[in-house]
Protein backbone atom coordinates (compact mmCIF):
# COMPACT_ATOMS: atom_id res chain seq x y z
CA MET A 1 -26.26 4.24 -16.43
CA GLU A 2 -25.45 5.04 -12.96
CA LEU A 3 -22.09 5.80 -11.33
CA LYS A 4 -21.51 5.94 -7.46
CA LEU A 5 -17.84 7.13 -6.54
CA TYR A 6 -17.39 8.00 -2.64
CA PRO A 7 -15.00 9.92 -1.47
CA ILE A 8 -11.88 9.21 0.30
CA LYS A 9 -10.74 12.36 1.00
CA THR A 10 -11.66 16.11 -0.16
CA ILE A 11 -9.83 19.63 -0.80
CA ARG A 12 -11.05 23.30 -1.64
CA THR A 13 -8.90 24.47 -3.93
CA GLN A 14 -7.91 26.53 -6.55
CA GLN A 15 -6.44 26.34 -10.70
CA PHE A 16 -2.84 24.76 -10.34
CA GLU A 17 -2.95 25.31 -6.21
CA GLN A 18 -2.46 21.94 -5.28
CA ASP A 19 -3.99 18.42 -8.18
CA LEU A 20 -4.18 15.49 -5.53
CA ALA A 21 -3.15 13.40 -8.36
CA ASP A 22 0.01 12.50 -6.39
CA GLU A 23 -1.25 11.06 -3.37
CA LEU A 24 -3.02 8.79 -5.85
CA ALA A 25 -0.71 5.86 -5.20
CA GLU A 26 -1.48 5.43 -1.54
CA TYR A 27 -4.92 3.92 -2.00
CA SER A 28 -4.85 0.21 -2.81
CA GLN A 29 -8.34 0.92 -4.75
CA SER A 30 -8.52 0.11 -9.22
CA PRO A 31 -9.95 2.38 -10.26
CA ILE A 32 -9.53 5.32 -8.37
CA TYR A 33 -10.77 8.58 -9.25
CA LEU A 34 -10.18 12.18 -9.01
CA VAL A 35 -13.53 14.22 -8.79
CA TYR A 36 -13.97 17.61 -9.46
CA GLN A 37 -17.00 19.39 -8.14
CA ASN A 38 -18.35 22.52 -6.40
CA TYR A 39 -16.56 25.51 -9.54
CA ALA A 40 -17.02 28.52 -7.71
CA ASN A 41 -16.44 30.57 -10.90
CA GLY A 42 -15.22 28.68 -13.87
CA LEU A 43 -11.11 27.76 -14.96
CA THR A 44 -10.62 30.70 -12.23
CA GLY A 45 -12.30 29.86 -9.33
CA THR A 46 -11.64 27.78 -6.40
CA TYR A 47 -13.35 23.75 -6.14
CA ASP A 48 -13.14 20.92 -4.13
CA VAL A 49 -11.52 18.16 -5.36
CA SER A 50 -12.14 14.66 -4.07
CA ILE A 51 -10.20 10.88 -4.12
CA ALA A 52 -12.39 8.88 -4.90
CA SER A 53 -13.60 4.88 -5.13
CA GLU A 54 -16.42 2.58 -6.18
CA VAL A 55 -15.48 1.13 -2.75
CA GLU A 56 -18.98 1.81 0.15
CA ASN A 57 -17.93 3.90 2.87
CA GLU A 58 -18.71 6.41 5.51
CA ASN A 59 -19.14 9.37 2.81
CA THR A 60 -21.80 10.12 1.03
CA ALA A 61 -21.37 9.10 -2.77
CA ILE A 62 -21.19 11.39 -6.16
CA VAL A 63 -23.34 10.61 -8.11
CA ILE A 64 -22.75 10.51 -11.81
CA ASP A 65 -26.10 9.36 -13.23
CA ASP A 66 -25.82 10.88 -17.02
CA PRO A 67 -22.52 10.04 -19.06
CA ARG A 68 -24.18 11.61 -21.84
CA PHE A 69 -23.44 14.85 -20.85
CA TYR A 70 -19.69 14.02 -20.80
CA GLU A 71 -16.71 14.47 -23.18
CA CYS A 72 -14.09 11.35 -21.98
CA PHE A 73 -10.58 12.17 -22.84
CA GLU A 74 -8.03 8.56 -23.07
CA THR A 75 -4.55 9.83 -21.95
CA THR A 76 -1.85 7.34 -19.11
CA LYS A 77 -0.30 8.62 -16.26
CA ALA A 78 2.70 10.50 -17.90
CA LEU A 79 0.50 12.90 -20.10
CA ARG A 80 -2.15 13.59 -17.65
CA ALA A 81 -0.41 17.08 -18.12
CA ASP A 82 -0.30 17.62 -21.26
CA THR A 83 -3.49 16.78 -21.96
CA LEU A 84 -5.17 18.71 -19.22
CA LYS A 85 -3.76 21.48 -20.54
CA TYR A 86 -4.47 20.59 -24.26
CA ILE A 87 -8.93 20.69 -22.22
CA ARG A 88 -8.32 24.43 -20.91
CA GLN A 89 -6.87 25.25 -24.44
CA ARG A 90 -9.68 24.04 -26.10
CA SER A 91 -11.93 25.58 -23.27
CA GLN A 92 -10.33 28.78 -23.90
CA GLN A 93 -10.80 29.05 -27.41
CA GLY A 94 -14.59 27.77 -26.73
CA LEU A 95 -13.96 24.03 -28.84
CA LEU A 96 -15.28 22.50 -25.69
CA LYS A 97 -18.60 23.88 -23.67
CA ARG A 98 -17.74 23.33 -20.74
CA GLY A 99 -20.30 22.10 -17.63
CA PHE A 100 -18.39 23.04 -15.08
CA TRP A 101 -21.17 20.93 -12.57
CA LEU A 102 -18.88 18.04 -12.31
CA ASP A 103 -15.67 16.36 -13.68
CA PHE A 104 -13.95 12.89 -13.27
CA GLU A 105 -10.38 11.60 -14.11
CA LYS A 106 -10.95 7.34 -13.72
CA HIS A 107 -7.21 6.12 -12.77
CA HIS A 108 -6.87 2.97 -13.86
CA SER A 109 -3.74 0.26 -12.65
CA ASP A 110 -2.03 0.00 -15.85
CA GLY A 111 -1.97 3.81 -15.90
CA LYS A 112 -4.43 4.41 -18.45
CA ILE A 113 -6.84 7.65 -17.44
CA GLU A 114 -9.73 8.21 -19.27
CA ILE A 115 -10.74 12.03 -17.95
CA PHE A 116 -14.20 13.14 -17.98
CA ILE A 117 -15.26 16.62 -18.56
CA SER A 118 -19.35 18.01 -17.57
CA ILE A 119 -20.00 19.86 -21.29
CA MET A 120 -23.35 21.65 -21.55
CA PRO A 121 -26.33 20.08 -23.34
CA HIS A 122 -26.94 20.96 -27.00
CA CYS A 123 -29.97 20.89 -29.27
């Protein structure tokens, strides 16, 4: 399954510096996505975060072509911060082998959120 997401707004940021999730309500597309990519140094460096949609626009698509290399965490808008903290803790404990190539969140209109974290392939 290939997923094409079209960026609407992109910023370069650092962990906890800026979060675009608060801006998602401004966009009428559903679902709406947050895409994290171009990590400079895993959890400690800078990265790009984009608000994106499946609706085609003038920006180059971000292509997610193999969902097998993602671990999905289901949460809600109210529990998103706690879920992100849990993901960071699992990564720091070595229980989640993150790939740090592209992560994304799928925000549904009913408040449900699916967080997809890229993981290292293993045999």
